[in-house]
Amino acid sequence: MDDQVTVIAVMKVSSEGDERALEILRGVIAATHEEDGCVKYTLHKDKNQPGAYCIVEKWRSQADLDAHFGRPHMAALAEAVDLLSEAPQIYFCEQVEVGESPKAKL
């Protein structure tokens, strides 16, 4: 059984906070990529909704994800929360495998 954990975080940044939010996210992402249990940590921007972002994360284990939340660079996200136009939506997921194609796995 795969113990990996996927997290999808969806957020909407106010127009006046977009530049600052990206600056904060770039720093958090760079530091997160250095974490041992980080498999993937990617930022996506919605093409149709200005200020709408999605972070897709994949962690080796729940313990690695739990440790991630306690890292010093995660404190920077507290500032980014003030730049959001609404509360973020965060989904803690486990994959549902459909088919055997490698395309069916993140």
Protein backbone atom coordinates (compact mmCIF):
# COMPACT_ATOMS: atom_id res chain seq x y z
CA MET A 1 0.00 0.00 0.00
CA ASP A 2 1.24 3.48 -0.89
CA ASP A 3 1.72 5.67 2.18
CA GLN A 4 2.25 8.83 0.15
CA VAL A 5 -0.01 11.79 0.86
CA THR A 6 -1.25 14.34 -1.67
CA VAL A 7 -2.34 17.82 -0.62
CA ILE A 8 -4.15 20.30 -2.84
CA ALA A 9 -4.36 23.86 -1.57
CA VAL A 10 -6.54 26.34 -3.46
CA MET A 11 -6.27 30.04 -2.68
CA LYS A 12 -7.42 33.35 -4.08
CA VAL A 13 -5.16 36.34 -3.61
CA SER A 14 -6.46 39.90 -3.68
CA SER A 15 -5.26 41.86 -6.72
CA GLU A 16 -3.20 44.24 -4.61
CA GLY A 17 -1.50 41.32 -2.85
CA ASP A 18 -0.60 39.22 -5.88
CA GLU A 19 3.05 40.28 -6.22
CA ARG A 20 3.77 39.86 -2.50
CA ALA A 21 1.99 36.51 -2.36
CA LEU A 22 4.09 35.18 -5.24
CA GLU A 23 7.26 36.39 -3.54
CA ILE A 24 6.31 34.55 -0.34
CA LEU A 25 5.25 31.40 -2.21
CA ARG A 26 8.50 31.28 -4.19
CA GLY A 27 10.49 31.28 -0.95
CA VAL A 28 8.30 28.66 0.69
CA ILE A 29 8.42 26.44 -2.38
CA ALA A 30 12.21 26.67 -2.73
CA ALA A 31 12.69 25.73 0.93
CA THR A 32 10.09 22.95 0.73
CA HIS A 33 11.85 21.37 -2.24
CA GLU A 34 14.83 20.84 0.09
CA GLU A 35 12.78 18.81 2.59
CA ASP A 36 13.64 15.12 2.60
CA GLY A 37 10.04 13.86 2.43
CA CYS A 38 8.88 16.21 -0.34
CA VAL A 39 8.14 14.23 -3.51
CA LYS A 40 6.43 17.09 -5.42
CA TYR A 41 5.42 20.64 -4.55
CA THR A 42 4.12 22.63 -7.50
CA LEU A 43 2.40 25.99 -7.94
CA HIS A 44 -0.29 26.52 -10.56
CA LYS A 45 -2.09 29.72 -11.57
CA ASP A 46 -5.63 29.69 -12.93
CA LYS A 47 -5.69 31.04 -16.50
CA ASN A 48 -9.26 32.32 -16.14
CA GLN A 49 -9.37 33.75 -12.60
CA PRO A 50 -6.82 36.42 -11.72
CA GLY A 51 -5.24 35.75 -8.33
CA ALA A 52 -6.41 32.12 -8.14
CA TYR A 53 -3.61 29.67 -7.30
CA CYS A 54 -3.33 25.99 -6.53
CA ILE A 55 -0.46 24.17 -4.84
CA VAL A 56 -0.27 20.44 -5.52
CA GLU A 57 1.93 18.59 -3.04
CA LYS A 58 2.99 14.99 -2.73
CA TRP A 59 4.68 13.73 0.43
CA ARG A 60 6.47 10.45 1.09
CA SER A 61 4.40 9.95 4.28
CA GLN A 62 2.02 11.60 6.70
CA ALA A 63 4.93 12.01 9.13
CA ASP A 64 6.87 13.98 6.49
CA LEU A 65 3.85 16.21 5.87
CA ASP A 66 3.40 16.76 9.61
CA ALA A 67 7.08 17.74 9.91
CA HIS A 68 6.65 20.15 6.97
CA PHE A 69 4.03 22.15 8.84
CA GLY A 70 6.53 22.77 11.65
CA ARG A 71 9.39 24.02 9.44
CA PRO A 72 10.53 27.64 9.92
CA HIS A 73 9.81 28.60 6.30
CA MET A 74 6.14 27.73 6.76
CA ALA A 75 5.78 30.68 9.15
CA ALA A 76 6.02 32.95 6.09
CA LEU A 77 2.61 31.67 4.99
CA ALA A 78 1.04 33.44 7.97
CA GLU A 79 1.80 36.72 6.20
CA ALA A 80 0.37 35.42 2.94
CA VAL A 81 -2.96 34.64 4.65
CA ASP A 82 -3.50 38.39 5.03
CA LEU A 83 -3.20 38.73 1.25
CA LEU A 84 -6.02 36.29 0.49
CA SER A 85 -9.43 37.49 -0.61
CA GLU A 86 -11.10 34.43 0.99
CA ALA A 87 -10.17 31.47 3.15
CA PRO A 88 -8.04 28.85 1.39
CA GLN A 89 -9.40 25.40 0.67
CA ILE A 90 -7.05 22.58 1.59
CA TYR A 91 -7.65 18.97 0.63
CA PHE A 92 -5.69 16.10 2.20
CA CYS A 93 -6.01 13.29 -0.31
CA GLU A 94 -5.18 9.69 -0.92
CA GLN A 95 -5.06 8.53 -4.48
CA VAL A 96 -7.80 6.39 -5.95
CA GLU A 97 -6.10 4.32 -8.60
CA VAL A 98 -8.08 3.84 -11.76
CA GLY A 99 -6.43 1.66 -14.37
CA GLU A 100 -2.81 0.63 -14.67
CA SER A 101 -1.52 3.42 -16.87
CA PRO A 102 1.34 5.50 -15.44
CA LYS A 103 -0.85 8.47 -16.36
CA ALA A 104 -3.28 7.38 -13.66
CA LYS A 105 -0.74 8.21 -10.94
CA LEU A 106 0.45 11.60 -9.74
